[in-house]
Amino acid sequence: MTYHFGVYVFDARSGLLHRRGQEVRVQPKVMSLLALLLHQRGRLVPRDVLIRSLWPDAIVTKASLSRLVKEARRVVGDDGRDQRVIQTLHTRGYRFVADVRVENGDGPSSQERAIELARASLEAALEIGGRDLRARVQDFADACLLAIRDARRSEGHVG
């Protein structure tokens, strides 16, 4: 799948980022972060999900994630003030907000992306506990129900 945003093209299969046709050298973790955010574009990706996905076998601080986001923003010409590409939702997570055109659309549907993100968020919440566990379970259930309703409507069922 290839993502086009602004003057950038990110090829998810090759893991390469190009700016105006020129390859941009990017650290692997930064590339992984961009891939995660692009895959979930337009949706909040909780900090704990990002940390768990990017550092599955390590314990890192939120500051490590903040530094990685800062570097990702620098790579795509964004900054913490304008946030035209990567938006911070304070204490919650990040969202890829730039307009994106996708080619080779064999990827997951928006409903599948929503369910996958909800599942990952729920797994992270279960693993670390926390006071927002009930809200995450409710978000997961809501995302599943919405996806089921959308699928039924697209198949012609009344829902």
Protein backbone atom coordinates (compact mmCIF):
# COMPACT_ATOMS: atom_id res chain seq x y z
CA MET A 1 0.00 0.00 0.00
CA THR A 2 1.28 3.48 -0.84
CA TYR A 3 0.29 6.59 1.11
CA HIS A 4 0.54 10.05 -0.49
CA PHE A 5 0.40 13.10 1.79
CA GLY A 6 1.63 16.56 0.88
CA VAL A 7 4.96 16.20 -0.94
CA TYR A 8 5.58 12.77 0.65
CA VAL A 9 5.00 9.21 -0.50
CA PHE A 10 5.29 6.36 1.98
CA ASP A 11 5.48 2.85 0.53
CA ALA A 12 4.40 0.49 3.29
CA ARG A 13 5.66 -2.60 1.47
CA SER A 14 9.20 -1.39 0.98
CA GLY A 15 9.23 0.79 4.09
CA LEU A 16 10.54 3.77 2.13
CA LEU A 17 9.60 7.43 2.45
CA HIS A 18 10.09 9.84 -0.46
CA ARG A 19 9.85 13.62 -0.49
CA ARG A 20 9.40 15.12 -3.97
CA GLY A 21 10.74 11.89 -5.50
CA GLN A 22 13.87 11.75 -3.33
CA GLU A 23 14.27 9.04 -0.72
CA VAL A 24 14.30 10.32 2.86
CA ARG A 25 16.57 8.40 5.21
CA VAL A 26 14.58 7.57 8.32
CA GLN A 27 15.44 5.64 11.47
CA PRO A 28 13.60 2.29 11.63
CA LYS A 29 11.58 3.22 14.77
CA VAL A 30 10.49 6.48 13.16
CA MET A 31 9.43 4.57 10.06
CA SER A 32 7.48 2.11 12.22
CA LEU A 33 5.73 4.99 13.99
CA LEU A 34 4.80 6.62 10.68
CA ALA A 35 3.50 3.30 9.36
CA LEU A 36 1.33 2.78 12.46
CA LEU A 37 -0.09 6.29 12.37
CA LEU A 38 -0.72 6.16 8.61
CA HIS A 39 -2.45 2.80 8.91
CA GLN A 40 -4.77 4.29 11.56
CA ARG A 41 -4.94 7.73 9.87
CA GLY A 42 -7.64 10.00 11.22
CA ARG A 43 -8.00 7.92 14.38
CA LEU A 44 -6.56 8.45 17.83
CA VAL A 45 -3.81 5.94 18.54
CA PRO A 46 -3.35 5.76 22.32
CA ARG A 47 0.16 6.26 23.70
CA ASP A 48 0.15 2.88 25.42
CA VAL A 49 -0.72 1.14 22.14
CA LEU A 50 2.14 2.91 20.37
CA ILE A 51 4.61 2.08 23.12
CA ARG A 52 3.54 -1.55 23.20
CA SER A 53 3.69 -1.83 19.40
CA LEU A 54 7.00 -0.03 18.92
CA TRP A 55 8.85 -1.49 21.91
CA PRO A 56 7.17 -4.88 22.50
CA ASP A 57 10.05 -6.33 24.53
CA ALA A 58 11.24 -3.25 26.38
CA ILE A 59 10.07 -0.93 29.08
CA VAL A 60 10.23 2.66 27.88
CA THR A 61 8.91 5.94 29.17
CA LYS A 62 6.39 8.24 27.57
CA ALA A 63 9.33 10.60 27.02
CA SER A 64 10.83 8.04 24.62
CA LEU A 65 7.63 8.10 22.60
CA SER A 66 7.55 11.91 22.68
CA ARG A 67 11.10 12.06 21.31
CA LEU A 68 10.17 9.59 18.56
CA VAL A 69 7.10 11.64 17.61
CA LYS A 70 9.24 14.79 17.52
CA GLU A 71 11.65 13.09 15.12
CA ALA A 72 8.77 11.79 12.96
CA ARG A 73 7.36 15.30 12.77
CA ARG A 74 10.76 16.66 11.73
CA VAL A 75 11.04 14.04 8.98
CA VAL A 76 7.65 14.98 7.46
CA GLY A 77 8.09 18.73 7.83
CA ASP A 78 5.71 19.11 10.77
CA ASP A 79 6.27 20.55 14.20
CA GLY A 80 4.66 20.41 17.61
CA ARG A 81 3.11 23.85 17.21
CA ASP A 82 1.28 23.55 13.87
CA GLN A 83 0.62 19.80 13.93
CA ARG A 84 -0.49 19.64 10.28
CA VAL A 85 0.56 16.00 9.95
CA ILE A 86 0.76 14.41 13.41
CA GLN A 87 -1.61 15.76 16.03
CA THR A 88 -1.09 15.34 19.77
CA LEU A 89 -4.15 14.64 21.89
CA HIS A 90 -2.67 15.46 25.28
CA THR A 91 -2.49 12.59 27.77
CA ARG A 92 -4.24 10.33 25.24
CA GLY A 93 -2.15 9.74 22.14
CA TYR A 94 -1.54 10.82 18.56
CA ARG A 95 -3.43 11.02 15.29
CA PHE A 96 -2.24 11.33 11.68
CA VAL A 97 -4.32 14.28 10.42
CA ALA A 98 -2.85 15.21 7.01
CA ASP A 99 -4.93 14.45 3.94
CA VAL A 100 -3.88 11.05 2.62
CA ARG A 101 -4.45 9.41 -0.74
CA VAL A 102 -3.99 5.64 -0.71
CA GLU A 103 -3.00 3.49 -3.69
CA ASN A 104 -3.23 -0.29 -3.95
CA GLY A 105 -6.25 -0.28 -1.69
CA ASP A 106 -6.10 -3.98 -0.91
CA GLY A 107 -5.68 -3.06 2.75
CA PRO A 108 -8.16 -3.24 5.57
CA SER A 109 -11.40 -1.31 5.52
CA SER A 110 -12.01 1.55 7.90
CA GLN A 111 -14.16 -0.79 9.99
CA GLU A 112 -11.36 -3.36 10.16
CA ARG A 113 -8.88 -0.64 11.13
CA ALA A 114 -11.24 0.60 13.86
CA ILE A 115 -11.69 -2.89 15.29
CA GLU A 116 -7.94 -3.59 15.18
CA LEU A 117 -7.12 -0.32 16.92
CA ALA A 118 -9.80 -0.94 19.55
CA ARG A 119 -8.48 -4.48 20.10
CA ALA A 120 -4.88 -3.28 20.50
CA SER A 121 -5.98 -0.54 22.88
CA LEU A 122 -8.02 -3.01 24.92
CA GLU A 123 -5.10 -5.45 25.11
CA ALA A 124 -2.79 -2.69 26.31
CA ALA A 125 -5.33 -1.56 28.90
CA LEU A 126 -5.79 -5.11 30.18
CA GLU A 127 -2.04 -5.56 30.41
CA ILE A 128 -1.34 -2.40 32.37
CA GLY A 129 -4.71 -1.97 34.08
CA GLY A 130 -5.76 1.53 34.86
CA ARG A 131 -8.83 3.51 35.62
CA ASP A 132 -9.93 3.88 32.00
CA LEU A 133 -10.33 0.13 31.41
CA ARG A 134 -14.14 0.33 31.47
CA ALA A 135 -14.11 3.13 28.85
CA ARG A 136 -11.77 1.14 26.61
CA VAL A 137 -13.96 -1.95 26.82
CA GLN A 138 -16.97 0.21 25.90
CA ASP A 139 -15.06 1.79 22.99
CA PHE A 140 -14.13 -1.68 21.73
CA ALA A 141 -17.71 -2.90 21.93
CA ASP A 142 -18.99 0.25 20.19
CA ALA A 143 -16.43 -0.12 17.37
CA CYS A 144 -17.42 -3.76 16.85
CA LEU A 145 -21.14 -2.96 16.79
CA LEU A 146 -20.60 -0.10 14.36
CA ALA A 147 -18.56 -2.32 12.05
CA ILE A 148 -21.24 -5.03 12.15
CA ARG A 149 -23.99 -2.49 11.34
CA ASP A 150 -21.94 -1.08 8.46
CA ALA A 151 -21.26 -4.55 7.08
CA ARG A 152 -24.96 -5.46 7.26
CA ARG A 153 -25.95 -2.24 5.50
CA SER A 154 -23.43 -2.83 2.72
CA GLU A 155 -24.80 -6.37 2.27
CA GLY A 156 -28.34 -5.06 2.00
CA HIS A 157 -29.57 -6.19 5.41
CA VAL A 158 -31.74 -3.90 7.45
CA GLY A 159 -30.05 -3.02 10.72
